[in-house]
N, C-alpha and C. Protein backbone atom coordinates (compact mmCIF):
# COMPACT_ATOMS: atom_id res chain seq x y z
N MET A 1 1.90 3.65 -1.39
CA MET A 1 0.80 3.87 -1.47
C MET A 1 -0.22 5.26 -2.25
N GLY A 2 -1.05 5.49 -3.06
CA GLY A 2 -1.27 5.93 -3.52
C GLY A 2 -2.14 6.87 -2.50
N GLU A 3 -2.96 7.70 -2.62
CA GLU A 3 -3.69 8.99 -2.04
C GLU A 3 -5.09 8.25 -2.46
N GLY A 4 -5.34 7.38 -1.51
CA GLY A 4 -7.52 7.53 -1.25
C GLY A 4 -7.13 5.98 -1.18
N ARG A 5 -6.47 5.53 -1.88
CA ARG A 5 -6.05 3.69 -2.49
C ARG A 5 -5.98 3.22 -1.06
N THR A 6 -6.97 1.76 -1.52
CA THR A 6 -7.29 1.07 -0.35
C THR A 6 -6.22 -0.53 0.26
N ILE A 7 -5.85 -0.12 1.24
CA ILE A 7 -4.92 -1.07 1.78
C ILE A 7 -5.52 -2.85 1.49
N GLY A 8 -4.83 -3.29 0.88
CA GLY A 8 -5.45 -4.81 1.05
C GLY A 8 -4.75 -5.85 1.96
N VAL A 9 -5.39 -6.08 3.07
CA VAL A 9 -4.50 -6.79 4.67
C VAL A 9 -5.05 -8.48 4.63
N LEU A 10 -3.82 -9.39 4.98
CA LEU A 10 -4.01 -10.14 4.52
C LEU A 10 -3.67 -10.59 6.29
N LEU A 11 -4.48 -11.46 6.92
CA LEU A 11 -4.44 -11.77 8.48
C LEU A 11 -3.80 -13.57 8.73
N VAL A 12 -3.12 -13.59 9.17
CA VAL A 12 -2.40 -14.90 9.45
C VAL A 12 -2.07 -15.17 10.92
N ASP A 13 -2.93 -16.05 11.77
CA ASP A 13 -3.12 -16.65 12.90
C ASP A 13 -3.48 -17.65 13.17
N ASP A 14 -2.66 -18.58 13.75
CA ASP A 14 -3.76 -20.01 14.17
C ASP A 14 -4.94 -20.02 15.17
N HIS A 15 -5.20 -18.66 15.77
CA HIS A 15 -6.31 -18.88 16.30
C HIS A 15 -7.30 -18.45 16.07
N PRO A 16 -9.05 -18.54 15.46
CA PRO A 16 -9.76 -18.71 14.39
C PRO A 16 -10.47 -16.69 15.41
N VAL A 17 -10.07 -16.82 16.83
CA VAL A 17 -11.10 -15.71 17.64
C VAL A 17 -9.77 -14.50 17.19
N VAL A 18 -8.77 -14.45 17.27
CA VAL A 18 -7.51 -13.41 17.13
C VAL A 18 -7.94 -12.81 15.41
N ARG A 19 -7.91 -13.88 14.92
CA ARG A 19 -8.28 -13.26 13.51
C ARG A 19 -9.75 -12.37 13.21
N GLU A 20 -10.42 -13.04 13.93
CA GLU A 20 -11.80 -11.77 13.90
C GLU A 20 -11.53 -11.19 14.77
N GLY A 21 -10.49 -10.60 15.49
CA GLY A 21 -11.12 -9.51 16.55
C GLY A 21 -10.03 -8.42 15.46
N LEU A 22 -8.77 -9.16 14.83
CA LEU A 22 -7.88 -8.04 14.32
C LEU A 22 -8.67 -7.76 13.41
N CYS A 23 -9.62 -8.72 12.56
CA CYS A 23 -10.15 -8.41 11.42
C CYS A 23 -11.23 -7.28 11.61
N ALA A 24 -12.17 -6.99 12.46
CA ALA A 24 -13.10 -5.77 12.97
C ALA A 24 -12.27 -4.83 13.10
N MET A 25 -10.93 -5.15 13.90
CA MET A 25 -10.42 -3.72 13.93
C MET A 25 -10.19 -2.35 13.00
N LEU A 26 -9.47 -3.97 11.97
CA LEU A 26 -9.18 -3.14 10.58
C LEU A 26 -9.78 -2.37 9.56
N GLU A 27 -10.85 -3.46 9.87
CA GLU A 27 -12.66 -2.98 8.88
C GLU A 27 -12.83 -2.00 9.78
N SER A 28 -12.65 -1.46 10.44
CA SER A 28 -13.41 -0.27 11.32
C SER A 28 -12.69 0.69 10.73
N ALA A 29 -11.75 0.96 10.11
CA ALA A 29 -10.83 1.84 9.42
C ALA A 29 -11.08 2.00 8.07
N ASP A 30 -11.06 3.55 7.38
CA ASP A 30 -11.02 3.41 6.23
C ASP A 30 -10.16 3.65 5.55
N GLY A 31 -10.31 2.51 4.25
CA GLY A 31 -9.09 2.89 3.42
C GLY A 31 -8.33 1.49 3.92
N ILE A 32 -8.58 0.71 4.66
CA ILE A 32 -8.87 -0.64 4.96
C ILE A 32 -9.32 -2.18 4.82
N THR A 33 -8.86 -3.00 3.64
CA THR A 33 -9.92 -3.99 3.29
C THR A 33 -9.15 -5.07 3.83
N VAL A 34 -9.71 -6.32 4.45
CA VAL A 34 -8.70 -7.47 4.96
C VAL A 34 -9.54 -8.10 4.02
N VAL A 35 -8.49 -8.66 2.73
CA VAL A 35 -8.80 -9.66 1.44
C VAL A 35 -9.20 -10.97 2.02
N GLY A 36 -8.21 -11.60 2.81
CA GLY A 36 -7.72 -12.74 2.87
C GLY A 36 -7.27 -13.20 4.59
N GLN A 37 -7.58 -14.71 5.45
CA GLN A 37 -7.23 -15.00 6.56
C GLN A 37 -6.74 -16.35 6.34
N ALA A 38 -5.70 -16.45 7.09
CA ALA A 38 -5.02 -17.74 6.78
C ALA A 38 -4.19 -18.15 8.45
N GLY A 39 -4.86 -19.22 8.28
CA GLY A 39 -4.16 -19.89 9.91
C GLY A 39 -2.74 -20.56 10.23
N SER A 40 -2.49 -20.52 9.54
CA SER A 40 -1.33 -21.43 9.55
C SER A 40 0.20 -20.44 7.81
N GLY A 41 1.41 -21.14 8.63
CA GLY A 41 2.52 -20.25 7.81
C GLY A 41 2.45 -20.71 6.47
N GLU A 42 2.43 -22.23 5.87
CA GLU A 42 1.90 -22.22 5.10
C GLU A 42 0.90 -21.92 4.05
N GLU A 43 0.11 -22.10 4.32
CA GLU A 43 -1.61 -20.99 3.89
C GLU A 43 -0.61 -19.82 3.31
N ALA A 44 -0.37 -19.01 4.70
CA ALA A 44 -0.20 -17.61 4.68
C ALA A 44 0.70 -17.57 3.38
N VAL A 45 1.59 -18.12 3.10
CA VAL A 45 2.42 -17.79 1.48
C VAL A 45 1.59 -18.19 0.46
N THR A 46 0.87 -19.32 0.42
CA THR A 46 0.42 -19.51 -1.15
C THR A 46 -0.86 -18.58 -0.65
N GLN A 47 -1.55 -17.95 0.44
CA GLN A 47 -2.62 -16.60 0.03
C GLN A 47 -1.45 -15.66 -0.32
N ALA A 48 -0.80 -15.17 0.00
CA ALA A 48 -0.42 -13.98 0.26
C ALA A 48 0.51 -14.28 -1.60
N ALA A 49 0.89 -15.75 -2.41
CA ALA A 49 1.10 -15.06 -3.95
C ALA A 49 -0.02 -15.34 -4.65
N ALA A 50 -0.72 -15.57 -3.97
CA ALA A 50 -2.46 -15.88 -4.99
C ALA A 50 -3.26 -14.06 -4.53
N LEU A 51 -3.05 -13.33 -3.80
CA LEU A 51 -3.96 -12.40 -3.23
C LEU A 51 -2.92 -11.15 -3.49
N SER A 52 -1.66 -11.11 -3.40
CA SER A 52 -1.22 -10.19 -3.86
C SER A 52 -1.83 -8.95 -2.53
N PRO A 53 -1.57 -9.42 -1.60
CA PRO A 53 -2.02 -8.35 -0.08
C PRO A 53 -0.73 -7.40 -0.59
N ASP A 54 -1.49 -5.76 0.03
CA ASP A 54 -0.57 -5.14 0.21
C ASP A 54 0.75 -5.34 1.97
N LEU A 55 -0.27 -5.97 2.48
CA LEU A 55 -0.08 -6.21 4.12
C LEU A 55 0.46 -7.73 4.26
N VAL A 56 0.99 -8.18 4.87
CA VAL A 56 0.72 -9.19 5.89
C VAL A 56 0.31 -9.08 7.24
N LEU A 57 -0.45 -9.04 8.49
CA LEU A 57 -0.32 -9.14 9.58
C LEU A 57 0.60 -10.96 10.01
N LEU A 58 0.89 -10.86 10.20
CA LEU A 58 1.48 -12.71 10.46
C LEU A 58 1.68 -12.69 12.63
N ASP A 59 0.70 -14.02 12.72
CA ASP A 59 1.84 -14.74 13.97
C ASP A 59 2.97 -15.16 13.72
N LEU A 60 3.43 -14.68 15.16
CA LEU A 60 5.13 -15.36 14.65
C LEU A 60 5.21 -16.36 15.46
N ARG A 61 4.23 -17.66 15.95
CA ARG A 61 4.66 -18.78 16.48
C ARG A 61 3.11 -19.58 16.49
N MET A 62 3.31 -20.19 15.13
CA MET A 62 2.43 -21.40 14.23
C MET A 62 3.09 -22.88 14.62
N GLY A 63 2.20 -23.75 14.24
CA GLY A 63 2.34 -25.32 14.47
C GLY A 63 3.48 -26.01 13.57
N ASP A 64 3.14 -25.62 12.23
CA ASP A 64 3.83 -25.60 10.42
C ASP A 64 4.91 -25.12 10.46
N MET A 65 4.95 -23.95 10.42
CA MET A 65 5.94 -23.04 9.52
C MET A 65 5.80 -21.63 10.54
N ASP A 66 6.73 -21.36 11.23
CA ASP A 66 6.83 -20.00 12.59
C ASP A 66 6.74 -18.96 11.25
N GLY A 67 6.35 -17.43 11.67
CA GLY A 67 6.27 -16.99 11.29
C GLY A 67 7.62 -15.77 10.01
N VAL A 68 8.82 -16.18 11.25
CA VAL A 68 10.13 -15.54 10.21
C VAL A 68 10.16 -16.68 9.12
N THR A 69 9.84 -18.35 9.11
CA THR A 69 10.16 -18.50 7.53
C THR A 69 9.06 -18.22 6.51
N ALA A 70 7.50 -18.50 7.11
CA ALA A 70 7.24 -17.67 6.52
C ALA A 70 7.20 -16.32 5.78
N THR A 71 7.41 -15.38 6.95
CA THR A 71 8.10 -13.63 6.40
C THR A 71 9.14 -14.10 4.98
N ALA A 72 9.90 -15.03 5.52
CA ALA A 72 11.45 -14.92 4.17
C ALA A 72 10.10 -15.44 3.07
N HIS A 73 9.65 -16.86 3.23
CA HIS A 73 8.96 -16.98 2.24
C HIS A 73 8.17 -16.13 1.14
N ILE A 74 7.42 -15.04 1.70
CA ILE A 74 6.50 -13.94 1.75
C ILE A 74 7.25 -13.12 0.52
N ARG A 75 8.20 -12.60 1.36
CA ARG A 75 8.85 -11.57 1.19
C ARG A 75 9.68 -11.96 -0.15
N ARG A 76 10.14 -13.69 -0.88
CA ARG A 76 11.27 -14.27 -1.50
C ARG A 76 10.02 -14.48 -2.97
N ARG A 77 8.75 -14.65 -2.66
CA ARG A 77 8.05 -14.75 -3.63
C ARG A 77 6.86 -13.29 -4.23
N SER A 78 6.34 -12.42 -2.66
CA SER A 78 5.94 -11.22 -3.24
C SER A 78 6.53 -10.55 -3.02
N PRO A 79 7.89 -9.59 -3.05
CA PRO A 79 8.53 -8.89 -3.01
C PRO A 79 8.25 -7.49 -2.54
N ARG A 80 6.88 -7.09 -2.74
CA ARG A 80 6.27 -5.92 -3.26
C ARG A 80 5.09 -5.93 -1.47
N THR A 81 5.14 -7.49 -1.61
CA THR A 81 3.57 -7.00 0.08
C THR A 81 4.58 -7.09 1.32
N LYS A 82 4.04 -6.27 2.16
CA LYS A 82 4.66 -5.84 3.74
C LYS A 82 4.35 -7.24 4.19
N VAL A 83 5.50 -7.18 5.75
CA VAL A 83 4.93 -8.36 6.24
C VAL A 83 4.83 -7.42 7.44
N VAL A 84 4.42 -7.54 8.99
CA VAL A 84 4.46 -7.26 9.92
C VAL A 84 3.87 -7.94 11.09
N ILE A 85 5.01 -8.21 11.41
CA ILE A 85 5.11 -9.58 12.81
C ILE A 85 4.05 -8.88 13.76
N VAL A 86 2.81 -9.83 13.97
CA VAL A 86 2.15 -9.29 15.58
C VAL A 86 1.47 -10.55 16.35
N THR A 87 2.10 -10.11 17.63
CA THR A 87 2.32 -11.75 18.42
C THR A 87 2.66 -10.63 19.68
N THR A 88 2.69 -11.92 20.37
CA THR A 88 2.95 -11.62 22.65
C THR A 88 3.95 -12.02 22.57
N TYR A 89 4.98 -12.88 21.80
CA TYR A 89 6.44 -12.73 22.69
C TYR A 89 7.70 -11.61 22.69
N GLU A 90 7.78 -10.54 23.58
CA GLU A 90 9.32 -10.02 23.26
C GLU A 90 10.25 -10.39 23.41
N ASP A 91 10.89 -11.91 22.92
CA ASP A 91 12.31 -12.29 22.98
C ASP A 91 12.85 -11.21 22.35
N GLU A 92 14.37 -11.15 22.57
CA GLU A 92 15.36 -10.60 21.56
C GLU A 92 15.63 -11.27 20.20
N ALA A 93 15.75 -12.60 20.16
CA ALA A 93 16.16 -13.25 19.13
C ALA A 93 14.90 -12.65 18.43
N ASP A 94 13.42 -13.16 18.61
CA ASP A 94 13.01 -13.68 17.51
C ASP A 94 12.48 -11.67 16.83
N ILE A 95 12.80 -10.71 17.60
CA ILE A 95 12.61 -9.90 17.14
C ILE A 95 13.49 -9.28 15.66
N LEU A 96 14.80 -10.27 16.08
CA LEU A 96 15.97 -9.67 15.47
C LEU A 96 15.94 -10.60 14.47
N ARG A 97 15.27 -11.63 14.56
CA ARG A 97 15.10 -12.78 13.31
C ARG A 97 13.52 -12.65 11.77
N ALA A 98 13.10 -11.58 12.52
CA ALA A 98 12.02 -11.09 11.98
C ALA A 98 12.12 -10.27 11.21
N VAL A 99 13.41 -9.13 11.72
CA VAL A 99 13.59 -8.61 10.82
C VAL A 99 14.78 -8.74 10.12
N GLU A 100 15.39 -9.68 10.21
CA GLU A 100 15.99 -10.13 9.35
C GLU A 100 15.56 -10.91 7.96
N ALA A 101 14.38 -11.33 8.16
CA ALA A 101 13.85 -11.94 7.48
C ALA A 101 13.20 -11.01 6.68
N GLY A 102 12.83 -10.13 7.09
CA GLY A 102 12.55 -8.71 5.83
C GLY A 102 11.20 -8.25 6.30
N ALA A 103 10.70 -8.83 7.75
CA ALA A 103 9.47 -7.75 8.21
C ALA A 103 9.28 -6.42 7.94
N ALA A 104 8.72 -6.36 7.86
CA ALA A 104 8.68 -4.15 7.99
C ALA A 104 8.09 -3.90 9.28
N GLY A 105 7.74 -4.61 10.23
CA GLY A 105 7.61 -4.08 12.08
C GLY A 105 7.59 -5.27 12.30
N TYR A 106 7.18 -4.91 13.55
CA TYR A 106 6.62 -5.93 14.74
C TYR A 106 6.27 -5.22 15.95
N LEU A 107 5.13 -5.97 16.30
CA LEU A 107 3.91 -5.03 16.30
C LEU A 107 3.56 -6.62 17.92
N LEU A 108 3.23 -5.93 19.27
CA LEU A 108 2.71 -6.69 20.07
C LEU A 108 0.85 -6.80 20.21
N LYS A 109 0.43 -8.43 20.47
CA LYS A 109 -1.11 -8.00 20.53
C LYS A 109 -1.94 -7.34 21.17
N GLY A 110 -0.71 -6.61 22.51
CA GLY A 110 -1.60 -5.88 23.32
C GLY A 110 -1.24 -4.24 22.96
N SER A 111 -1.26 -4.15 21.17
CA SER A 111 -1.34 -2.89 20.96
C SER A 111 -3.08 -2.75 20.49
N SER A 112 -2.96 -1.11 20.65
CA SER A 112 -4.61 -0.61 20.93
C SER A 112 -5.51 -0.44 19.41
N ARG A 113 -6.34 -0.08 19.32
CA ARG A 113 -6.48 -0.40 17.18
C ARG A 113 -6.50 0.36 17.41
N ILE A 114 -5.92 2.01 17.70
CA ILE A 114 -5.46 2.82 17.02
C ILE A 114 -3.78 2.81 16.03
N GLU A 115 -3.22 1.87 17.35
CA GLU A 115 -1.78 1.99 17.23
C GLU A 115 -1.80 1.00 15.70
N LEU A 116 -2.41 -0.27 16.15
CA LEU A 116 -2.82 -1.00 14.58
C LEU A 116 -2.99 -0.42 13.49
N ILE A 117 -3.89 0.31 13.30
CA ILE A 117 -4.74 1.02 12.12
C ILE A 117 -2.82 1.64 11.72
N ASN A 118 -2.85 2.35 12.35
CA ASN A 118 -1.47 3.45 12.20
C ASN A 118 -0.08 2.71 11.44
N ALA A 119 -0.37 1.28 12.27
CA ALA A 119 0.96 0.60 11.87
C ALA A 119 0.49 0.45 10.10
N VAL A 120 -0.10 0.00 10.33
CA VAL A 120 -0.82 -0.64 8.91
C VAL A 120 -0.55 0.45 7.86
N GLN A 121 -1.65 1.24 8.26
CA GLN A 121 -1.26 2.50 7.40
C GLN A 121 0.34 2.54 6.72
N ALA A 122 1.24 2.86 7.82
CA ALA A 122 3.24 3.18 7.87
C ALA A 122 3.29 2.47 7.62
N ALA A 123 2.92 1.07 7.60
CA ALA A 123 3.89 -0.09 6.79
C ALA A 123 3.43 -0.07 4.81
N ALA A 124 2.14 0.46 4.70
CA ALA A 124 1.93 -0.01 3.91
C ALA A 124 2.58 1.40 2.79
N ARG A 125 3.37 2.09 3.72
CA ARG A 125 3.60 3.57 2.92
C ARG A 125 5.45 3.33 3.07
N GLY A 126 5.79 2.18 3.71
CA GLY A 126 7.15 1.73 3.41
C GLY A 126 7.67 2.61 4.86
N GLU A 127 6.92 2.42 5.56
CA GLU A 127 7.53 3.37 6.75
C GLU A 127 8.29 1.83 8.06
N THR A 128 8.69 1.72 8.86
CA THR A 128 8.94 0.76 9.62
C THR A 128 8.75 0.79 10.36
N VAL A 129 7.48 0.48 11.00
CA VAL A 129 6.56 -0.23 12.33
C VAL A 129 6.95 -0.93 13.60
N LEU A 130 7.41 -0.30 14.40
CA LEU A 130 8.44 -1.20 15.75
C LEU A 130 7.39 -0.93 17.12
N THR A 131 7.03 -1.41 17.70
CA THR A 131 6.22 -0.73 19.49
C THR A 131 7.69 -0.54 20.27
N PRO A 132 7.27 1.16 20.37
CA PRO A 132 8.67 0.97 21.67
C PRO A 132 9.11 0.83 22.21
N SER A 133 8.99 -0.14 22.96
CA SER A 133 9.16 -0.54 23.97
C SER A 133 10.21 -2.07 22.69
N LEU A 134 9.89 -2.26 22.14
CA LEU A 134 10.71 -3.88 21.49
C LEU A 134 12.40 -2.89 20.96
N ALA A 135 12.33 -1.35 20.69
CA ALA A 135 13.50 -0.48 20.47
C ALA A 135 14.26 -1.31 21.43
N THR A 136 14.54 -1.20 22.34
CA THR A 136 15.54 -1.47 23.06
C THR A 136 16.01 -2.70 23.46
N LYS A 137 15.09 -4.06 23.03
CA LYS A 137 15.63 -5.32 23.11
C LYS A 137 16.24 -5.79 21.85
N LEU A 138 15.87 -5.18 20.28
CA LEU A 138 16.59 -5.16 18.86
C LEU A 138 17.73 -4.04 19.39
N PHE A 139 18.01 -3.32 20.67
CA PHE A 139 19.37 -2.65 20.17
C PHE A 139 20.17 -4.28 21.19
N ARG A 140 19.79 -4.74 22.27
CA ARG A 140 20.00 -5.55 23.16
C ARG A 140 20.90 -6.34 22.61
N ALA A 141 20.28 -7.14 21.36
CA ALA A 141 19.89 -8.17 20.40
C ALA A 141 21.37 -8.20 19.32
N ARG A 142 21.28 -6.77 19.38
CA ARG A 142 22.41 -6.39 18.53
C ARG A 142 23.54 -6.66 19.03
N GLY A 143 23.79 -6.11 19.19
CA GLY A 143 25.07 -5.52 20.24
C GLY A 143 25.05 -3.81 20.03
N ALA A 144 26.11 -3.09 21.24
CA ALA A 144 26.29 -1.82 21.13
C ALA A 144 27.53 -0.90 19.86
N GLY A 145 27.59 -0.65 19.66
CA GLY A 145 28.23 0.07 18.90
C GLY A 145 28.40 1.75 19.37
N PRO A 146 29.48 2.08 18.68
CA PRO A 146 29.31 3.59 19.06
C PRO A 146 28.73 4.55 17.44
N SER A 147 27.93 5.64 17.78
CA SER A 147 26.79 6.34 17.07
C SER A 147 27.70 6.68 16.53
N PRO A 148 27.39 6.42 15.25
CA PRO A 148 27.83 7.55 13.97
C PRO A 148 26.79 8.75 13.60
N LEU A 149 25.66 8.63 14.30
CA LEU A 149 24.56 10.07 14.04
C LEU A 149 24.99 10.73 14.81
N SER A 150 24.41 11.86 14.82
CA SER A 150 24.31 13.35 15.55
C SER A 150 22.97 12.86 16.50
N GLU A 151 23.09 13.88 17.21
CA GLU A 151 21.51 14.03 18.01
C GLU A 151 20.56 14.21 17.57
N ARG A 152 20.95 14.91 16.58
CA ARG A 152 19.42 15.74 15.65
C ARG A 152 19.15 14.24 14.19
N GLU A 153 19.98 13.72 14.05
CA GLU A 153 19.74 12.85 13.34
C GLU A 153 19.11 11.51 13.47
N CYS A 154 19.36 11.77 14.77
CA CYS A 154 18.89 10.56 15.39
C CYS A 154 17.01 10.73 15.63
N GLU A 155 17.15 12.00 16.42
CA GLU A 155 15.68 12.22 16.54
C GLU A 155 14.70 12.77 15.38
N VAL A 156 15.24 13.18 14.15
CA VAL A 156 14.81 13.07 13.07
C VAL A 156 14.34 11.57 12.80
N LEU A 157 15.39 10.37 12.81
CA LEU A 157 15.18 9.22 12.40
C LEU A 157 13.82 8.60 13.31
N ARG A 158 13.91 9.09 14.79
CA ARG A 158 12.64 8.50 15.45
C ARG A 158 11.45 9.14 15.48
N LEU A 159 11.05 10.44 14.20
CA LEU A 159 10.35 11.01 13.47
C LEU A 159 9.73 9.72 12.99
N VAL A 160 10.74 9.13 11.64
CA VAL A 160 10.84 8.77 10.71
C VAL A 160 9.77 7.19 11.30
N GLY A 161 10.72 7.04 11.81
CA GLY A 161 9.86 5.48 12.81
C GLY A 161 8.42 5.79 13.27
N ARG A 162 8.33 6.78 13.74
CA ARG A 162 6.47 7.12 13.86
C ARG A 162 5.73 7.21 12.83
N GLY A 163 6.11 7.43 11.86
CA GLY A 163 5.54 7.91 10.23
C GLY A 163 5.44 9.12 9.82
N LEU A 164 5.96 9.98 10.48
CA LEU A 164 5.79 11.29 10.29
C LEU A 164 6.79 11.79 8.72
N THR A 165 5.73 12.36 8.18
CA THR A 165 6.09 13.25 6.93
C THR A 165 7.03 14.10 7.13
N ASN A 166 8.44 14.22 6.25
CA ASN A 166 9.13 15.53 6.50
C ASN A 166 8.74 16.51 6.82
N ALA A 167 7.37 16.94 6.26
CA ALA A 167 7.41 17.96 6.41
C ALA A 167 6.73 18.32 8.19
N ASP A 168 5.85 16.95 8.89
CA ASP A 168 5.54 16.74 9.73
C ASP A 168 6.78 17.14 10.87
N ILE A 169 7.67 16.34 10.17
CA ILE A 169 9.13 16.47 11.39
C ILE A 169 9.51 17.84 11.53
N GLY A 170 9.49 18.30 10.56
CA GLY A 170 10.30 19.91 10.13
C GLY A 170 9.44 20.72 11.67
N LYS A 171 8.02 20.58 11.25
CA LYS A 171 7.23 21.16 12.41
C LYS A 171 7.40 20.84 13.87
N GLN A 172 7.58 19.85 14.32
CA GLN A 172 7.57 18.89 15.53
C GLN A 172 9.12 19.55 15.62
N LEU A 173 9.96 19.93 15.11
CA LEU A 173 11.13 20.01 15.33
C LEU A 173 11.98 21.43 15.48
N PHE A 174 11.06 22.08 14.40
CA PHE A 174 11.29 23.05 14.51
C PHE A 174 12.31 24.05 13.81
N ILE A 175 11.99 23.15 11.81
CA ILE A 175 13.54 23.40 11.23
C ILE A 175 12.60 22.86 9.75
N GLY A 176 13.18 23.85 9.09
CA GLY A 176 12.94 23.37 7.71
C GLY A 176 12.91 22.34 7.01
N GLU A 177 11.96 21.34 6.04
CA GLU A 177 11.53 20.47 5.21
C GLU A 177 12.97 20.67 4.67
N ALA A 178 12.82 21.09 3.85
CA ALA A 178 14.68 21.11 3.19
C ALA A 178 16.00 20.33 4.22
N THR A 179 15.62 21.04 5.52
CA THR A 179 16.68 20.61 6.24
C THR A 179 17.29 19.21 7.35
N VAL A 180 14.91 18.97 7.38
CA VAL A 180 15.26 17.07 7.26
C VAL A 180 15.80 16.52 6.59
N LYS A 181 15.35 16.81 5.31
CA LYS A 181 15.95 15.78 3.90
C LYS A 181 16.93 15.68 3.78
N THR A 182 18.34 16.91 4.51
CA THR A 182 19.64 16.91 3.95
C THR A 182 19.68 15.96 5.53
N HIS A 183 19.07 16.36 7.05
CA HIS A 183 19.63 15.16 7.52
C HIS A 183 19.86 14.00 7.42
N LEU A 184 18.27 13.27 6.88
CA LEU A 184 18.29 11.74 6.31
C LEU A 184 19.34 11.76 4.97
N LEU A 185 19.55 12.60 4.24
CA LEU A 185 20.65 12.15 3.38
C LEU A 185 21.98 12.02 3.82
N ARG A 186 22.29 12.87 5.29
CA ARG A 186 23.51 12.62 5.49
C ARG A 186 23.46 10.82 6.60
N THR A 187 21.80 10.99 6.83
CA THR A 187 22.02 9.76 7.65
C THR A 187 22.03 8.42 7.57
N PHE A 188 21.36 8.45 5.77
CA PHE A 188 21.61 7.82 4.32
C PHE A 188 22.84 7.19 4.30
N LYS A 189 23.70 8.34 4.19
CA LYS A 189 25.23 8.31 3.96
C LYS A 189 25.81 7.71 5.29
N LYS A 190 25.96 7.50 5.82
CA LYS A 190 26.23 7.26 7.66
C LYS A 190 25.94 5.52 7.51
N LEU A 191 24.67 5.42 7.25
CA LEU A 191 24.27 4.36 7.87
C LEU A 191 24.17 2.94 6.27
N ASP A 192 24.96 4.04 4.92
CA ASP A 192 25.11 2.97 3.94
C ASP A 192 24.05 2.38 3.58
N VAL A 193 22.64 3.38 3.39
CA VAL A 193 21.72 2.56 2.76
C VAL A 193 20.96 3.43 2.12
N SER A 194 19.50 3.42 1.39
CA SER A 194 18.82 3.95 0.48
C SER A 194 17.64 4.46 0.39
N ASP A 195 16.80 4.21 1.81
CA ASP A 195 15.52 4.62 1.44
C ASP A 195 15.65 4.78 3.54
N ARG A 196 14.20 5.71 3.75
CA ARG A 196 13.87 5.76 4.70
C ARG A 196 14.29 4.32 6.12
N THR A 197 13.23 3.63 5.37
CA THR A 197 12.82 2.36 6.41
C THR A 197 13.85 1.43 6.48
N ALA A 198 14.87 1.21 5.27
CA ALA A 198 16.41 0.99 5.76
C ALA A 198 17.16 1.38 6.08
N ALA A 199 16.82 3.07 7.23
CA ALA A 199 17.41 3.98 7.67
C ALA A 199 17.20 3.59 8.87
N VAL A 200 16.00 3.30 8.91
CA VAL A 200 15.16 3.21 10.74
C VAL A 200 15.86 1.95 11.02
N LEU A 201 15.68 1.27 10.43
CA LEU A 201 15.84 -0.29 10.74
C LEU A 201 16.94 -0.91 11.17
N THR A 202 18.42 0.26 10.68
CA THR A 202 19.78 -0.59 10.47
C THR A 202 19.90 0.41 11.51
N ALA A 203 19.62 1.61 12.10
CA ALA A 203 19.47 3.02 12.96
C ALA A 203 19.13 1.57 14.23
N MET A 204 17.42 1.05 14.31
CA MET A 204 17.07 0.50 15.23
C MET A 204 18.20 -1.04 16.01
N GLU A 205 18.58 -2.19 14.74
CA GLU A 205 19.45 -3.15 14.96
C GLU A 205 20.69 -2.14 15.50
N ARG A 206 21.10 -1.28 15.20
CA ARG A 206 22.70 -0.82 15.42
C ARG A 206 22.52 -0.44 16.94
N GLY A 207 21.50 -0.21 17.80
CA GLY A 207 20.95 0.31 18.76
C GLY A 207 21.49 1.77 19.14
N LEU A 208 20.64 2.69 18.08
CA LEU A 208 21.25 3.96 17.91
C LEU A 208 20.11 4.86 18.33
N LEU A 209 18.79 3.92 18.25
CA LEU A 209 17.68 4.73 18.51
C LEU A 209 17.10 4.53 19.89
N PRO A 210 18.02 4.44 20.89
CA PRO A 210 16.78 3.92 22.39
C PRO A 210 15.43 4.90 22.49
């Protein structure tokens, strides 16, 4: 996303009241516009293809097509569109299925307005967003294994997952921005990934970021 560009969001939930609530919260923020709303998974896939939103906020459980199936269809037809699941369900299997389908994040409906807005902005930048309490559940779903990452590399990835830039991470950890980049490049190699989002997702899937 370029600096100053408006983020177009498609809201998908089978409850109109929930959609209106999310719409009100998002449009109270500068730089975010709700470009459409949908009440089903099938409608979400159709509207995502027609509107090309930057981001889809998608309910997990709907009648005709669930959020995971809709995510897979949206990502296949509109690969530039990010999908973030917003739901009340915290089941480990649901979280894992959503991530594997291509979701850029998984948030609970109890998230605050600020958390929601920050998540939308971070996901639009290509970052991974995951309600912190869900990281452990994702770890349990994937199963534990020996960590290939150093403690510092894990610290850097945790901050990446919160949407911080390399410069911000450096300030928080009292290290140089170049050192942050070095840690990330080593992490990419260890996890066999090529970007920040994939590194965070892979680390979470392997239970490396408790």
